[in-house]
Every structure is written in structure tokens, then in C-alpha cells.
Amino acid sequence: MTVVSAQRRGSLLGVVDRFWRKSGYRVTAINSHIDAPAIYVKTQDGFQVSLTVADKGQVHFDVDSPCVRRSEVADSTSRATAFLDPEAQLIPRPNIHSDFWSAGAPGVAASRS
């Protein structure tokens, strides 16, 4: 939910790109669109991972797993950082200020969390 300003989005994708390549992930596609950049990779064990910037700068990490067998999943041990209303009509927008990542994004309130 951190605001990533338009000026910092390329930096975020660059940091992630370098880490993923260093980790042995194979880049399958890069979208260099100014408003909606994205990078897509495949891990050595078959996971497909992407980082995309969507509407209003909402940043998403998505992971698609290779075939797996069903197993129990434990409840999260941490509290969600965003309001999650399954019946909400609006997509939550980034609202947490970072002195670095939000630089150049006017009108964003600072968070003290």
C-alpha cells in the first residue's frame, strides 16, 4: 500500500529485476510502458512471478505456481496492512507515504505506522 511515485517506478522495477536475475530467474517479458511498467520471470522450479504497476500506481506482485497438490494453509500470523472488504466496490489505492518511494508524489499524507 506504499505510494510509489511515477518518478520512482522505474527504480523499483530495476531493483526487483536485478534481484530476480541474480537469483537465477529467467526474464520472460518486460513491459516498458511509462504508466504501466511490468516485469515477468520464471523461477528455476517453475513458478511464474510478475511485478506490475497498474491504475493509479498500484503495485502488484503476482505468483503462479506449477502444479501442486492440495494442502492445508495456516492462518496468517500478521495483520493485513490494507482494509480488505470482499464486498467493496472500489479498489484500495496506495496511501502509505515513504520518504524515498513516494518522492515526487504530491498530496500524499505521511503514515506513522
C-alpha atoms as a PDB file:
ATOM      1  CA  MET A   1       0.000   0.000   0.000  1.00  0.00           C
ATOM      2  CA  THR A   2       3.050   2.270  -0.230  1.00  0.00           C
ATOM      3  CA  VAL A   3       2.730   5.102  -2.727  1.00  0.00           C
ATOM      4  CA  VAL A   4       5.373   4.625  -5.428  1.00  0.00           C
ATOM      5  CA  SER A   5       5.641   7.877  -7.349  1.00  0.00           C
ATOM      6  CA  ALA A   6       5.817   7.862 -11.139  1.00  0.00           C
ATOM      7  CA  GLN A   7       9.417   9.078 -10.783  1.00  0.00           C
ATOM      8  CA  ARG A   8      10.381   6.024  -8.678  1.00  0.00           C
ATOM      9  CA  ARG A   9       8.546   3.204 -10.518  1.00  0.00           C
ATOM     10  CA  GLY A  10      11.421   2.543 -12.914  1.00  0.00           C
ATOM     11  CA  SER A  11      13.808   2.342  -9.958  1.00  0.00           C
ATOM     12  CA  LEU A  12      11.551  -0.170  -8.197  1.00  0.00           C
ATOM     13  CA  LEU A  13      11.374  -2.383 -11.272  1.00  0.00           C
ATOM     14  CA  GLY A  14      15.149  -2.067 -11.738  1.00  0.00           C
ATOM     15  CA  VAL A  15      15.867  -3.176  -8.166  1.00  0.00           C
ATOM     16  CA  VAL A  16      13.490  -6.137  -8.490  1.00  0.00           C
ATOM     17  CA  ASP A  17      14.842  -7.028 -11.967  1.00  0.00           C
ATOM     18  CA  ARG A  18      18.441  -7.128 -10.713  1.00  0.00           C
ATOM     19  CA  PHE A  19      17.494  -9.234  -7.658  1.00  0.00           C
ATOM     20  CA  TRP A  20      15.492 -11.713  -9.712  1.00  0.00           C
ATOM     21  CA  ARG A  21      18.271 -12.122 -12.322  1.00  0.00           C
ATOM     22  CA  LYS A  22      20.853 -12.557  -9.529  1.00  0.00           C
ATOM     23  CA  SER A  23      18.563 -15.232  -8.048  1.00  0.00           C
ATOM     24  CA  GLY A  24      18.625 -17.180 -11.311  1.00  0.00           C
ATOM     25  CA  TYR A  25      15.129 -16.267 -12.505  1.00  0.00           C
ATOM     26  CA  ARG A  26      14.653 -16.165 -16.287  1.00  0.00           C
ATOM     27  CA  VAL A  27      13.067 -12.974 -17.585  1.00  0.00           C
ATOM     28  CA  THR A  28      10.221 -13.890 -19.934  1.00  0.00           C
ATOM     29  CA  ALA A  29       8.934 -10.373 -20.706  1.00  0.00           C
ATOM     30  CA  ILE A  30       9.373  -6.713 -19.821  1.00  0.00           C
ATOM     31  CA  ASN A  31       6.755  -4.044 -20.402  1.00  0.00           C
ATOM     32  CA  SER A  32       8.440  -0.628 -20.525  1.00  0.00           C
ATOM     33  CA  HIS A  33       5.181   1.332 -20.727  1.00  0.00           C
ATOM     34  CA  ILE A  34       5.607   4.673 -18.954  1.00  0.00           C
ATOM     35  CA  ASP A  35       2.339   4.396 -16.961  1.00  0.00           C
ATOM     36  CA  ALA A  36       2.104   0.622 -16.524  1.00  0.00           C
ATOM     37  CA  PRO A  37       5.565  -0.970 -16.446  1.00  0.00           C
ATOM     38  CA  ALA A  38       5.942  -4.654 -15.631  1.00  0.00           C
ATOM     39  CA  ILE A  39       8.470  -7.470 -15.467  1.00  0.00           C
ATOM     40  CA  TYR A  40       7.695 -11.175 -15.788  1.00  0.00           C
ATOM     41  CA  VAL A  41      10.038 -14.009 -14.795  1.00  0.00           C
ATOM     42  CA  LYS A  42      10.095 -17.765 -14.371  1.00  0.00           C
ATOM     43  CA  THR A  43      11.924 -19.401 -11.468  1.00  0.00           C
ATOM     44  CA  GLN A  44      14.078 -22.494 -11.744  1.00  0.00           C
ATOM     45  CA  ASP A  45      11.341 -24.576 -10.118  1.00  0.00           C
ATOM     46  CA  GLY A  46       8.589 -23.414 -12.477  1.00  0.00           C
ATOM     47  CA  PHE A  47       6.936 -20.523 -10.644  1.00  0.00           C
ATOM     48  CA  GLN A  48       5.944 -17.557 -12.794  1.00  0.00           C
ATOM     49  CA  VAL A  49       6.342 -14.259 -10.985  1.00  0.00           C
ATOM     50  CA  SER A  50       5.482 -10.734 -12.048  1.00  0.00           C
ATOM     51  CA  LEU A  51       5.709  -7.205 -10.749  1.00  0.00           C
ATOM     52  CA  THR A  52       3.243  -4.849 -12.412  1.00  0.00           C
ATOM     53  CA  VAL A  53       2.255  -1.246 -11.909  1.00  0.00           C
ATOM     54  CA  ALA A  54      -1.460  -0.784 -12.509  1.00  0.00           C
ATOM     55  CA  ASP A  55      -4.029   2.003 -12.259  1.00  0.00           C
ATOM     56  CA  LYS A  56      -3.037   4.964 -10.046  1.00  0.00           C
ATOM     57  CA  GLY A  57       0.376   3.385  -9.417  1.00  0.00           C
ATOM     58  CA  GLN A  58      -0.937   0.357  -7.534  1.00  0.00           C
ATOM     59  CA  VAL A  59       1.986  -2.105  -7.475  1.00  0.00           C
ATOM     60  CA  HIS A  60       1.253  -5.842  -7.629  1.00  0.00           C
ATOM     61  CA  PHE A  61       3.381  -8.939  -7.157  1.00  0.00           C
ATOM     62  CA  ASP A  62       1.714 -11.991  -8.663  1.00  0.00           C
ATOM     63  CA  VAL A  63       2.884 -15.590  -8.443  1.00  0.00           C
ATOM     64  CA  ASP A  64       1.578 -18.546 -10.424  1.00  0.00           C
ATOM     65  CA  SER A  65       2.697 -21.899  -9.100  1.00  0.00           C
ATOM     66  CA  PRO A  66       3.436 -25.015 -11.077  1.00  0.00           C
ATOM     67  CA  CYS A  67       1.088 -27.939 -10.440  1.00  0.00           C
ATOM     68  CA  VAL A  68       0.856 -28.657  -6.735  1.00  0.00           C
ATOM     69  CA  ARG A  69      -1.144 -30.979  -4.561  1.00  0.00           C
ATOM     70  CA  ARG A  70      -3.774 -29.662  -2.170  1.00  0.00           C
ATOM     71  CA  SER A  71      -2.587 -28.955   1.354  1.00  0.00           C
ATOM     72  CA  GLU A  72      -3.790 -27.118   4.442  1.00  0.00           C
ATOM     73  CA  VAL A  73      -2.790 -23.476   4.719  1.00  0.00           C
ATOM     74  CA  ALA A  74      -2.241 -21.913   8.127  1.00  0.00           C
ATOM     75  CA  ASP A  75      -3.875 -18.619   9.014  1.00  0.00           C
ATOM     76  CA  SER A  76      -1.645 -15.570   8.645  1.00  0.00           C
ATOM     77  CA  THR A  77       0.335 -14.648  11.734  1.00  0.00           C
ATOM     78  CA  SER A  78       0.337 -10.937  10.847  1.00  0.00           C
ATOM     79  CA  ARG A  79      -2.419  -8.377  10.459  1.00  0.00           C
ATOM     80  CA  ALA A  80      -3.242  -7.077   6.974  1.00  0.00           C
ATOM     81  CA  THR A  81      -1.866  -3.619   6.235  1.00  0.00           C
ATOM     82  CA  ALA A  82      -4.779  -2.667   3.988  1.00  0.00           C
ATOM     83  CA  PHE A  83      -8.511  -2.533   4.507  1.00  0.00           C
ATOM     84  CA  LEU A  84      -9.798  -5.734   2.895  1.00  0.00           C
ATOM     85  CA  ASP A  85     -13.544  -5.660   2.311  1.00  0.00           C
ATOM     86  CA  PRO A  86     -14.615  -8.517  -0.001  1.00  0.00           C
ATOM     87  CA  GLU A  87     -17.766  -6.597  -0.914  1.00  0.00           C
ATOM     88  CA  ALA A  88     -16.032  -3.289  -1.612  1.00  0.00           C
ATOM     89  CA  GLN A  89     -16.825  -1.675  -4.940  1.00  0.00           C
ATOM     90  CA  LEU A  90     -13.598   0.339  -5.090  1.00  0.00           C
ATOM     91  CA  ILE A  91     -10.052  -0.939  -5.385  1.00  0.00           C
ATOM     92  CA  PRO A  92      -7.981   0.320  -2.443  1.00  0.00           C
ATOM     93  CA  ARG A  93      -5.321   2.791  -3.565  1.00  0.00           C
ATOM     94  CA  PRO A  94      -1.835   3.203  -2.137  1.00  0.00           C
ATOM     95  CA  ASN A  95      -1.964   5.523   0.860  1.00  0.00           C
ATOM     96  CA  ILE A  96       1.230   4.982   2.859  1.00  0.00           C
ATOM     97  CA  HIS A  97       3.986   7.570   2.383  1.00  0.00           C
ATOM     98  CA  SER A  98       7.647   6.618   2.081  1.00  0.00           C
ATOM     99  CA  ASP A  99      10.247   9.385   2.048  1.00  0.00           C
ATOM    100  CA  PHE A 100      12.066   7.551  -0.749  1.00  0.00           C
ATOM    101  CA  TRP A 101       9.490   5.609  -2.793  1.00  0.00           C
ATOM    102  CA  SER A 102       6.837   8.347  -2.677  1.00  0.00           C
ATOM    103  CA  ALA A 103       9.245  11.174  -3.600  1.00  0.00           C
ATOM    104  CA  GLY A 104       7.681  13.454  -6.151  1.00  0.00           C
ATOM    105  CA  ALA A 105       4.121  12.325  -5.348  1.00  0.00           C
ATOM    106  CA  PRO A 106       2.381  15.488  -4.095  1.00  0.00           C
ATOM    107  CA  GLY A 107      -0.611  15.359  -1.788  1.00  0.00           C
ATOM    108  CA  VAL A 108       0.119  12.039  -0.068  1.00  0.00           C
ATOM    109  CA  ALA A 109      -0.292  12.004   3.693  1.00  0.00           C
ATOM    110  CA  ALA A 110       2.584  10.604   5.719  1.00  0.00           C
ATOM    111  CA  SER A 111       1.935   7.420   7.663  1.00  0.00           C
ATOM    112  CA  ARG A 112       3.267   6.893  11.170  1.00  0.00           C
ATOM    113  CA  SER A 113       2.829   3.115  11.204  1.00  0.00           C
END
